[in-house]
Amino acid sequence: MLRKFLDRIKPHFEEGGRLQAFHSLFDGFETFLYVPNKTSKVGVSIHDAIDSKRIMSIVVIALLPALLFGMYNLGYQNYAAAGVTGTFFEMLGNFSFGDYFKGEIIPWAWEFVTEVLKLPKDKLYVTIYLEDDEAFDIWNKEIGIAPERIFRFGKADNFWEHGAGPCGPCSEIYYDRGIKYGCGKPDCKVGCDCDRFMEVWNNVFTQFEGDGKGGYEELAQKNIDTGMGLERLAVVMQDVDSVFDIDTMKAIRDRICELANVKYQTDEIKDISIRLITDHIRSVTFMVSDGIMPSNEGRGYVLRRIIRRAARHGRLLGIKGKFLAKLSNTVIEMSKDGYPELEENKDMIFNVLTEEENKFDKTIDQGLNILADMEAEMAKNGEKTLSGKNAFTLYDTYGFPLDLTKEILEEKGIGRPSTYAPTVETVLARNYVVREAKQFYPTELGILVVDLLK
């Protein structure tokens, strides 16, 4: 169904010859989007592209896979439980650098959502930045949206910026999924934390150059950055509960249940593992196909963590033997029409996943036994928190991932080491810590001081 949907909307994007390939590269900390040159395959950084001194007018419309590494670091169980998004998603987007702006993109967005997708107008709401009267006037006077259906929010919600550099307000379109997805509160409305109102479109109006200190200078060439998550859109179009219930994800979810001989939505703990594996196997399949290999640093380390986490949750579900390659085949079958490189690279994908599973089997069996001994010692001494020293020993000496230690202890209701923080794995992976270290020193990810020898 998703592929049919893309085939349906493609002609709307191809008018005027504006459809271009788009790629996303990740180095673990910073994201660069590239508009490839079809002959030389040399890309230009999006940050350079919006520099009016270099490029006056670029228009891009694209569908690209994206890996949300930051969300993974924040703790995936919350998202697996919510079913709103995951570590991997497909992003529909159109970008303008010095070409069209608010006066064009807002009517186009409304036209696409109401006339192409045919979403009912009475179920749609709009948000704008608190001070963006220009966007308000377009929505209200040109499109005809009633003022009470336009919500103004502050910087935290409707202003896009990341440190110093190009930035600007944004405007979103929300879809009302109905009372059954709401919180039941009488004041439930757009902006509520419940699942009733779902964002399906976001227009970022990159019109300022920020100095990172609250100062803004208007850009000579203003830009548009649009985002529409394909999986979220499918939730609305297919009228299902979550991204894990759309057709492409359900096929993977059902295969996991088959391998584990379990039924979905009969045990919430198992459901979290099912959703986690469903998400993670998509991520790792695309990552390996793109040439990322498991390693102990950078994006290779992120890949290794995701693979091993999926493997462990397979064990929790009772799946016997190696299963990631089998499951990856389902991902490939569901996505190969849009991403033919998956079929071309499937043997490599299967080999990498199987080899990593083999390595993890050796690591986890030894690590679990040692962690069990540490837990027994804690119980004997009446302790409820694993020391930073023991957590570090598990990683440094036995190769047992720190995030896995944290996850296992939290599942058992045992406190994680008070000296532990989510960024510890990243710091370790980047070789900021040696065996004799007593502290983690401040890094670019934030100030983090840990007493390893507590």
Protein backbone atom coordinates (compact mmCIF):
# COMPACT_ATOMS: atom_id res chain seq x y z
CA MET A 1 0.00 0.00 0.00
CA LEU A 2 2.83 2.41 0.81
CA ARG A 3 4.43 1.77 -2.55
CA LYS A 4 1.11 2.37 -4.34
CA PHE A 5 0.79 5.59 -2.39
CA LEU A 6 4.25 6.74 -3.55
CA ASP A 7 3.45 5.84 -7.15
CA ARG A 8 0.29 7.90 -6.82
CA ILE A 9 1.99 11.05 -5.53
CA LYS A 10 5.10 10.84 -7.71
CA PRO A 11 3.53 12.65 -10.72
CA HIS A 12 2.74 15.62 -8.48
CA PHE A 13 6.42 15.87 -7.58
CA GLU A 14 7.77 15.35 -11.10
CA GLU A 15 6.02 18.33 -12.65
CA GLY A 16 8.62 20.78 -13.88
CA GLY A 17 11.39 18.22 -13.66
CA ARG A 18 11.99 18.97 -10.00
CA LEU A 19 12.34 15.42 -8.71
CA GLN A 20 15.92 14.78 -7.63
CA ALA A 21 17.69 12.03 -5.77
CA PHE A 22 18.47 12.79 -2.16
CA HIS A 23 20.81 11.09 0.24
CA SER A 24 21.53 11.32 3.94
CA LEU A 25 24.91 10.63 5.51
CA PHE A 26 25.51 10.23 9.22
CA ASP A 27 28.82 10.43 11.06
CA GLY A 28 27.37 9.83 14.50
CA PHE A 29 27.12 13.44 15.63
CA GLU A 30 26.27 15.71 12.72
CA THR A 31 23.99 15.20 9.76
CA PHE A 32 24.73 16.37 6.24
CA LEU A 33 22.14 16.15 3.50
CA TYR A 34 23.44 16.08 -0.05
CA VAL A 35 22.03 17.06 -3.41
CA PRO A 36 24.08 14.83 -5.75
CA ASN A 37 25.50 15.95 -9.07
CA LYS A 38 24.21 13.31 -11.49
CA THR A 39 27.45 13.20 -13.46
CA SER A 40 30.16 13.48 -10.85
CA LYS A 41 28.15 12.29 -7.82
CA VAL A 42 29.71 15.09 -5.82
CA GLY A 43 27.30 16.45 -3.25
CA VAL A 44 26.93 19.85 -1.68
CA SER A 45 26.31 20.19 2.04
CA ILE A 46 22.85 21.49 2.89
CA HIS A 47 24.57 24.09 5.06
CA ASP A 48 26.43 25.32 1.98
CA ALA A 49 23.29 25.09 -0.12
CA ILE A 50 21.42 27.60 2.00
CA ASP A 51 24.33 30.03 1.84
CA SER A 52 22.98 32.57 -0.63
CA LYS A 53 26.48 33.49 -1.71
CA ARG A 54 27.01 30.08 -3.25
CA ILE A 55 23.66 28.86 -4.51
CA MET A 56 20.80 31.13 -5.48
CA SER A 57 17.97 28.69 -6.17
CA ILE A 58 17.64 24.97 -5.57
CA VAL A 59 14.43 22.99 -5.38
CA VAL A 60 14.45 19.41 -4.11
CA ILE A 61 11.64 16.95 -3.47
CA ALA A 62 12.56 13.63 -1.98
CA LEU A 63 11.86 10.45 -0.09
CA LEU A 64 14.78 9.38 2.05
CA PRO A 65 15.37 6.86 4.83
CA ALA A 66 16.48 8.40 8.08
CA LEU A 67 18.04 6.91 11.19
CA LEU A 68 17.16 8.63 14.41
CA PHE A 69 20.25 7.84 16.46
CA GLY A 70 19.49 10.48 19.07
CA MET A 71 16.18 8.86 19.92
CA TYR A 72 17.93 5.54 20.37
CA ASN A 73 20.31 7.11 22.89
CA LEU A 74 17.40 8.56 24.84
CA GLY A 75 15.99 5.11 25.56
CA TYR A 76 14.00 3.26 22.95
CA GLN A 77 11.55 1.44 25.22
CA ASN A 78 9.50 4.62 25.62
CA TYR A 79 9.00 4.81 21.87
CA ALA A 80 8.44 1.09 21.45
CA ALA A 81 5.71 1.39 24.04
CA ALA A 82 4.14 4.47 22.47
CA GLY A 83 4.27 3.26 18.87
CA VAL A 84 4.63 6.78 17.52
CA THR A 85 7.95 6.47 15.74
CA GLY A 86 11.22 4.57 15.88
CA THR A 87 14.94 4.65 15.18
CA PHE A 88 14.25 4.31 11.45
CA PHE A 89 11.65 6.05 9.35
CA GLU A 90 11.09 7.22 5.79
CA MET A 91 10.83 10.96 5.34
CA LEU A 92 8.95 12.71 2.59
CA GLY A 93 10.28 16.19 2.05
CA ASN A 94 10.63 19.10 -0.28
CA PHE A 95 13.32 21.74 0.06
CA SER A 96 13.70 25.16 -1.53
CA PHE A 97 16.88 27.21 -1.32
CA GLY A 98 16.15 30.76 -2.41
CA ASP A 99 13.16 29.79 -4.55
CA TYR A 100 9.57 29.51 -3.23
CA PHE A 101 8.68 30.45 0.34
CA LYS A 102 5.68 30.72 2.69
CA GLY A 103 3.28 32.16 0.14
CA GLU A 104 3.74 29.10 -2.08
CA ILE A 105 4.44 26.19 0.26
CA ILE A 106 1.49 26.72 2.61
CA PRO A 107 -1.14 26.56 -0.18
CA TRP A 108 0.71 23.63 -1.76
CA ALA A 109 0.78 21.77 1.55
CA TRP A 110 -2.94 22.29 2.05
CA GLU A 111 -3.70 21.26 -1.53
CA PHE A 112 -1.66 18.09 -1.21
CA VAL A 113 -3.15 17.06 2.12
CA THR A 114 -6.77 17.81 1.21
CA GLU A 115 -6.94 17.14 -2.54
CA VAL A 116 -4.31 14.44 -3.13
CA LEU A 117 -4.51 12.59 0.20
CA LYS A 118 -8.14 13.67 0.58
CA LEU A 119 -7.95 14.09 4.35
CA PRO A 120 -11.16 15.71 5.67
CA LYS A 121 -10.69 19.42 6.27
CA ASP A 122 -12.73 19.31 9.46
CA LYS A 123 -10.14 16.97 11.00
CA LEU A 124 -7.17 19.21 10.25
CA TYR A 125 -5.58 21.84 12.49
CA VAL A 126 -2.60 24.13 12.04
CA THR A 127 0.18 25.37 14.31
CA ILE A 128 2.45 28.37 13.78
CA TYR A 129 5.23 30.09 15.68
CA LEU A 130 4.02 32.55 18.30
CA GLU A 131 5.20 35.66 16.42
CA ASP A 132 4.67 34.48 12.83
CA ASP A 133 1.81 36.74 11.74
CA GLU A 134 2.75 36.23 8.09
CA ALA A 135 2.02 32.49 8.31
CA PHE A 136 -1.18 33.21 10.25
CA ASP A 137 -2.46 35.53 7.55
CA ILE A 138 -1.77 32.98 4.80
CA TRP A 139 -3.53 30.19 6.68
CA ASN A 140 -6.43 32.39 7.75
CA LYS A 141 -7.01 34.83 4.87
CA GLU A 142 -5.81 32.81 1.87
CA ILE A 143 -6.54 29.21 2.85
CA GLY A 144 -9.59 30.05 4.95
CA ILE A 145 -8.65 28.29 8.19
CA ALA A 146 -10.67 29.67 11.10
CA PRO A 147 -8.54 31.42 13.78
CA GLU A 148 -9.67 28.93 16.45
CA ARG A 149 -8.11 26.11 14.39
CA ILE A 150 -4.72 27.86 14.23
CA PHE A 151 -2.58 27.35 17.33
CA ARG A 152 0.39 29.56 18.22
CA PHE A 153 3.30 27.93 20.08
CA GLY A 154 6.66 29.17 21.30
CA LYS A 155 10.22 28.32 20.38
CA ALA A 156 10.23 24.90 21.99
CA ASP A 157 7.56 23.67 19.59
CA ASN A 158 7.54 25.87 16.50
CA PHE A 159 10.98 27.31 15.93
CA TRP A 160 13.71 25.21 14.31
CA GLU A 161 17.32 25.93 15.25
CA HIS A 162 20.39 23.97 16.23
CA GLY A 163 23.01 26.22 17.73
CA ALA A 164 24.36 28.91 15.44
CA GLY A 165 23.36 28.94 11.79
CA PRO A 166 20.26 29.05 9.56
CA CYS A 167 17.00 28.76 11.49
CA GLY A 168 13.41 29.92 11.51
CA PRO A 169 9.80 29.37 12.55
CA CYS A 170 7.76 26.38 11.44
CA SER A 171 4.13 25.59 10.75
CA GLU A 172 2.59 22.15 11.16
CA ILE A 173 -0.58 20.42 10.02
CA TYR A 174 -2.22 18.11 12.57
CA TYR A 175 -4.82 15.42 12.01
CA ASP A 176 -7.49 14.67 14.61
CA ARG A 177 -7.58 10.87 14.98
CA GLY A 178 -10.65 10.96 17.18
CA ILE A 179 -11.70 10.73 20.81
CA LYS A 180 -10.67 7.07 21.12
CA TYR A 181 -7.01 8.10 20.89
CA GLY A 182 -7.41 10.99 23.32
CA CYS A 183 -6.65 11.41 26.99
CA GLY A 184 -10.25 12.14 27.97
CA LYS A 185 -9.43 15.55 29.43
CA PRO A 186 -11.96 18.28 28.62
CA ASP A 187 -9.18 20.61 27.44
CA CYS A 188 -7.58 18.05 25.11
CA LYS A 189 -6.46 19.89 21.97
CA VAL A 190 -3.53 20.28 19.57
CA GLY A 191 -0.39 20.24 21.66
CA CYS A 192 -1.69 17.66 24.13
CA ASP A 193 0.69 14.80 24.92
CA CYS A 194 -1.89 12.14 24.06
CA ASP A 195 -2.16 10.39 20.68
CA ARG A 196 -5.32 12.07 19.43
CA PHE A 197 -3.74 14.88 17.39
CA MET A 198 -0.97 13.62 15.09
CA GLU A 199 1.39 15.87 13.18
CA VAL A 200 1.46 14.88 9.49
CA TRP A 201 3.24 17.83 7.90
CA ASN A 202 5.86 20.33 9.03
CA ASN A 203 7.05 23.36 7.07
CA VAL A 204 10.22 24.98 8.39
CA PHE A 205 10.71 28.54 7.18
CA THR A 206 14.49 28.98 7.28
CA GLN A 207 14.59 32.76 7.13
CA PHE A 208 17.15 33.75 9.77
CA GLU A 209 20.84 33.30 10.52
CA GLY A 210 21.14 32.73 14.27
CA ASP A 211 24.29 33.49 16.24
CA GLY A 212 23.50 30.84 18.85
CA LYS A 213 23.08 33.50 21.51
CA GLY A 214 19.57 34.71 20.74
CA GLY A 215 20.51 37.08 17.94
CA TYR A 216 18.97 36.72 14.47
CA GLU A 217 19.71 38.28 11.11
CA GLU A 218 17.32 37.93 8.18
CA LEU A 219 18.63 35.82 5.32
CA ALA A 220 18.77 37.37 1.85
CA GLN A 221 17.64 34.06 0.34
CA LYS A 222 14.91 32.40 2.39
CA ASN A 223 14.42 28.66 2.34
CA ILE A 224 11.87 25.91 2.90
CA ASP A 225 12.44 22.59 4.66
CA THR A 226 9.39 20.32 4.66
CA GLY A 227 9.06 17.04 6.52
CA MET A 228 6.35 14.38 6.40
CA GLY A 229 7.01 11.01 8.00
CA LEU A 230 5.77 8.28 5.67
CA GLU A 231 4.99 5.83 8.46
CA ARG A 232 3.01 8.44 10.40
CA LEU A 233 1.13 9.36 7.27
CA ALA A 234 0.34 5.67 6.72
CA VAL A 235 -1.09 5.47 10.25
CA VAL A 236 -3.58 8.18 9.29
CA MET A 237 -4.30 6.87 5.78
CA GLN A 238 -4.74 3.26 6.92
CA ASP A 239 -6.54 4.27 10.15
CA VAL A 240 -4.51 2.01 12.45
CA ASP A 241 -3.38 2.41 16.03
CA SER A 242 0.38 2.91 15.56
CA VAL A 243 3.27 2.73 13.11
CA PHE A 244 3.68 -0.91 14.10
CA ASP A 245 0.25 -1.67 12.63
CA ILE A 246 0.76 -0.25 9.12
CA ASP A 247 1.06 -2.90 6.41
CA THR A 248 4.84 -2.85 5.92
CA MET A 249 5.59 -2.93 9.65
CA LYS A 250 2.90 -5.49 10.43
CA ALA A 251 4.52 -7.95 8.02
CA ILE A 252 7.75 -7.76 10.04
CA ARG A 253 5.89 -7.86 13.34
CA ASP A 254 3.97 -10.97 12.28
CA ARG A 255 7.18 -12.71 11.20
CA ILE A 256 8.69 -12.07 14.64
CA CYS A 257 5.63 -13.56 16.29
CA GLU A 258 5.94 -16.58 14.03
CA LEU A 259 9.60 -17.09 14.91
CA ALA A 260 8.92 -16.65 18.64
CA ASN A 261 5.63 -18.59 18.60
CA VAL A 262 3.89 -15.76 20.46
CA LYS A 263 0.79 -13.68 19.79
CA TYR A 264 0.91 -9.91 19.64
CA GLN A 265 -1.08 -7.89 22.21
CA THR A 266 -1.41 -10.67 24.77
CA ASP A 267 1.57 -9.70 26.94
CA GLU A 268 2.70 -6.05 27.13
CA ILE A 269 6.28 -6.96 28.11
CA LYS A 270 6.59 -9.23 25.08
CA ASP A 271 4.87 -6.61 22.93
CA ILE A 272 7.64 -4.13 23.72
CA SER A 273 10.25 -6.66 22.58
CA ILE A 274 8.23 -7.36 19.41
CA ARG A 275 8.00 -3.67 18.57
CA LEU A 276 11.63 -3.04 19.41
CA ILE A 277 12.83 -5.83 17.09
CA THR A 278 10.40 -4.69 14.38
CA ASP A 279 11.97 -1.25 14.43
CA HIS A 280 15.60 -2.28 14.90
CA ILE A 281 15.69 -4.85 12.10
CA ARG A 282 14.65 -2.16 9.62
CA SER A 283 17.41 0.13 10.86
CA VAL A 284 20.19 -2.44 10.66
CA THR A 285 19.08 -3.78 7.27
CA PHE A 286 19.31 -0.34 5.68
CA MET A 287 22.50 0.60 7.53
CA VAL A 288 24.38 -2.48 6.37
CA SER A 289 23.04 -2.07 2.84
CA ASP A 290 24.45 1.47 2.86
CA GLY A 291 27.87 0.10 3.74
CA ILE A 292 27.98 0.73 7.48
CA MET A 293 29.73 -2.10 9.30
CA PRO A 294 29.60 -2.99 13.03
CA SER A 295 32.53 -1.53 14.95
CA ASN A 296 33.42 0.01 18.29
CA GLU A 297 33.20 3.65 17.29
CA GLY A 298 31.00 6.16 15.48
CA ARG A 299 28.03 4.98 13.48
CA GLY A 300 29.44 1.44 13.36
CA TYR A 301 29.08 1.36 17.14
CA VAL A 302 25.48 2.54 16.89
CA LEU A 303 24.83 -0.28 14.39
CA ARG A 304 26.43 -2.84 16.70
CA ARG A 305 24.31 -1.66 19.63
CA ILE A 306 21.08 -1.86 17.63
CA ILE A 307 21.91 -5.35 16.29
CA ARG A 308 22.78 -6.68 19.73
CA ARG A 309 19.76 -5.13 21.36
CA ALA A 310 17.49 -6.77 18.80
CA ALA A 311 19.27 -10.09 19.32
CA ARG A 312 18.83 -9.90 23.07
CA HIS A 313 15.12 -9.13 22.82
CA GLY A 314 14.81 -12.12 20.51
CA ARG A 315 16.16 -14.21 23.35
CA LEU A 316 13.65 -12.64 25.74
CA LEU A 317 10.87 -13.72 23.36
CA GLY A 318 12.23 -17.27 23.29
CA ILE A 319 13.45 -17.27 19.69
CA LYS A 320 15.89 -20.14 19.27
CA GLY A 321 19.08 -19.79 17.26
CA LYS A 322 20.06 -17.05 14.83
CA PHE A 323 17.08 -15.12 13.49
CA LEU A 324 18.11 -11.63 12.38
CA ALA A 325 19.04 -12.64 8.82
CA LYS A 326 15.69 -14.42 8.40
CA LEU A 327 13.88 -11.36 9.67
CA SER A 328 15.95 -9.04 7.51
CA ASN A 329 14.70 -10.95 4.48
CA THR A 330 11.15 -9.82 5.35
CA VAL A 331 12.35 -6.20 5.50
CA ILE A 332 13.95 -6.61 2.07
CA GLU A 333 10.84 -8.16 0.56
CA MET A 334 8.69 -5.30 1.87
CA SER A 335 11.05 -2.52 0.74
CA LYS A 336 12.93 -3.74 -2.33
CA ASP A 337 10.57 -2.13 -4.82
CA GLY A 338 11.49 1.29 -3.54
CA TYR A 339 15.05 0.37 -2.55
CA PRO A 340 16.32 -2.21 -5.09
CA GLU A 341 19.80 -2.03 -3.54
CA LEU A 342 18.46 -4.07 -0.62
CA GLU A 343 17.90 -7.06 -2.92
CA GLU A 344 21.29 -6.52 -4.54
CA ASN A 345 23.05 -6.44 -1.16
CA LYS A 346 21.03 -9.05 0.68
CA ASP A 347 23.79 -11.68 0.88
CA MET A 348 26.12 -9.15 2.46
CA ILE A 349 23.37 -8.05 4.84
CA PHE A 350 22.65 -11.62 5.91
CA ASN A 351 26.35 -12.40 6.44
CA VAL A 352 26.99 -9.28 8.52
CA LEU A 353 23.96 -9.85 10.75
CA THR A 354 24.73 -13.53 11.27
CA GLU A 355 28.38 -12.85 12.10
CA GLU A 356 27.41 -10.15 14.59
CA GLU A 357 24.86 -12.45 16.20
CA ASN A 358 27.55 -15.11 16.59
CA LYS A 359 29.89 -12.62 18.29
CA PHE A 360 27.12 -11.40 20.56
CA ASP A 361 26.18 -14.94 21.63
CA LYS A 362 29.69 -15.41 23.00
CA THR A 363 29.69 -12.00 24.69
CA ILE A 364 26.26 -12.15 26.26
CA ASP A 365 26.56 -15.64 27.75
CA GLN A 366 29.77 -14.75 29.56
CA GLY A 367 28.56 -11.27 30.50
CA LEU A 368 25.23 -12.47 31.89
CA ASN A 369 26.99 -14.98 34.14
CA ILE A 370 29.37 -12.33 35.48
CA LEU A 371 26.54 -9.83 35.95
CA ALA A 372 24.56 -12.49 37.85
CA ASP A 373 27.51 -12.93 40.20
CA MET A 374 27.67 -9.17 40.71
CA GLU A 375 23.93 -9.09 41.44
CA ALA A 376 24.33 -11.89 44.00
CA GLU A 377 27.13 -9.97 45.69
CA MET A 378 24.96 -6.84 45.75
CA ALA A 379 22.11 -8.78 47.36
CA LYS A 380 24.49 -10.25 49.93
CA ASN A 381 25.70 -6.77 50.88
CA GLY A 382 22.23 -5.24 50.82
CA GLU A 383 23.12 -2.96 47.91
CA LYS A 384 20.65 -1.78 45.28
CA THR A 385 22.98 -0.05 42.85
CA LEU A 386 25.70 -1.55 40.69
CA SER A 387 28.96 0.35 41.15
CA GLY A 388 30.51 2.29 38.31
CA LYS A 389 33.62 0.15 38.69
CA ASN A 390 31.72 -3.09 38.07
CA ALA A 391 29.80 -1.62 35.14
CA PHE A 392 33.06 -0.47 33.61
CA THR A 393 34.72 -3.85 34.23
CA LEU A 394 31.90 -5.62 32.40
CA TYR A 395 32.47 -3.42 29.38
CA ASP A 396 36.23 -3.00 29.39
CA THR A 397 37.26 -6.54 30.33
CA TYR A 398 34.42 -8.67 29.00
CA GLY A 399 33.01 -6.51 26.20
CA PHE A 400 29.53 -6.39 27.75
CA PRO A 401 27.81 -3.18 26.52
CA LEU A 402 27.04 -0.61 29.21
CA ASP A 403 23.62 0.16 27.78
CA LEU A 404 22.78 -3.55 28.00
CA THR A 405 23.88 -3.64 31.65
CA LYS A 406 21.62 -0.68 32.36
CA GLU A 407 18.69 -2.22 30.50
CA ILE A 408 18.96 -5.61 32.24
CA LEU A 409 19.18 -4.07 35.70
CA GLU A 410 16.26 -1.74 35.11
CA GLU A 411 14.12 -4.66 33.91
CA LYS A 412 14.84 -6.36 37.24
CA GLY A 413 14.11 -3.21 39.22
CA ILE A 414 17.74 -2.83 40.26
CA GLY A 415 19.21 0.67 40.22
CA ARG A 416 21.72 1.45 37.54
CA PRO A 417 25.08 2.75 38.72
CA SER A 418 24.63 6.27 40.03
CA THR A 419 27.70 7.23 38.05
CA TYR A 420 26.26 6.01 34.78
CA ALA A 421 24.73 8.17 32.08
CA PRO A 422 23.47 7.47 28.51
CA THR A 423 26.47 9.18 26.95
CA VAL A 424 28.99 6.92 28.68
CA GLU A 425 28.88 4.40 25.82
CA THR A 426 29.66 7.12 23.29
CA VAL A 427 32.54 8.44 25.35
CA LEU A 428 33.97 4.96 25.77
CA ALA A 429 33.56 4.17 22.09
CA ARG A 430 35.52 7.28 21.18
CA ASN A 431 38.39 6.27 23.43
CA TYR A 432 38.07 9.14 25.88
CA VAL A 433 38.54 6.76 28.78
CA VAL A 434 41.47 4.51 29.65
CA ARG A 435 41.43 1.73 32.20
CA GLU A 436 43.14 3.82 34.88
CA ALA A 437 40.85 6.83 34.50
CA LYS A 438 39.05 8.09 37.56
CA GLN A 439 36.75 10.49 35.74
CA PHE A 440 35.06 11.15 32.45
CA TYR A 441 35.86 14.71 31.52
CA PRO A 442 33.48 17.11 29.74
CA THR A 443 32.81 16.24 26.11
CA GLU A 444 30.96 17.96 23.31
CA LEU A 445 27.90 15.89 24.22
CA GLY A 446 27.59 17.64 27.56
CA ILE A 447 29.32 17.76 30.92
CA LEU A 448 29.62 14.26 32.33
CA VAL A 449 31.73 13.41 35.36
CA VAL A 450 31.81 9.80 36.50
CA ASP A 451 33.76 8.25 39.36
CA LEU A 452 34.77 4.86 37.95
CA LEU A 453 36.41 3.70 41.15
CA LYS A 454 33.48 4.26 43.47
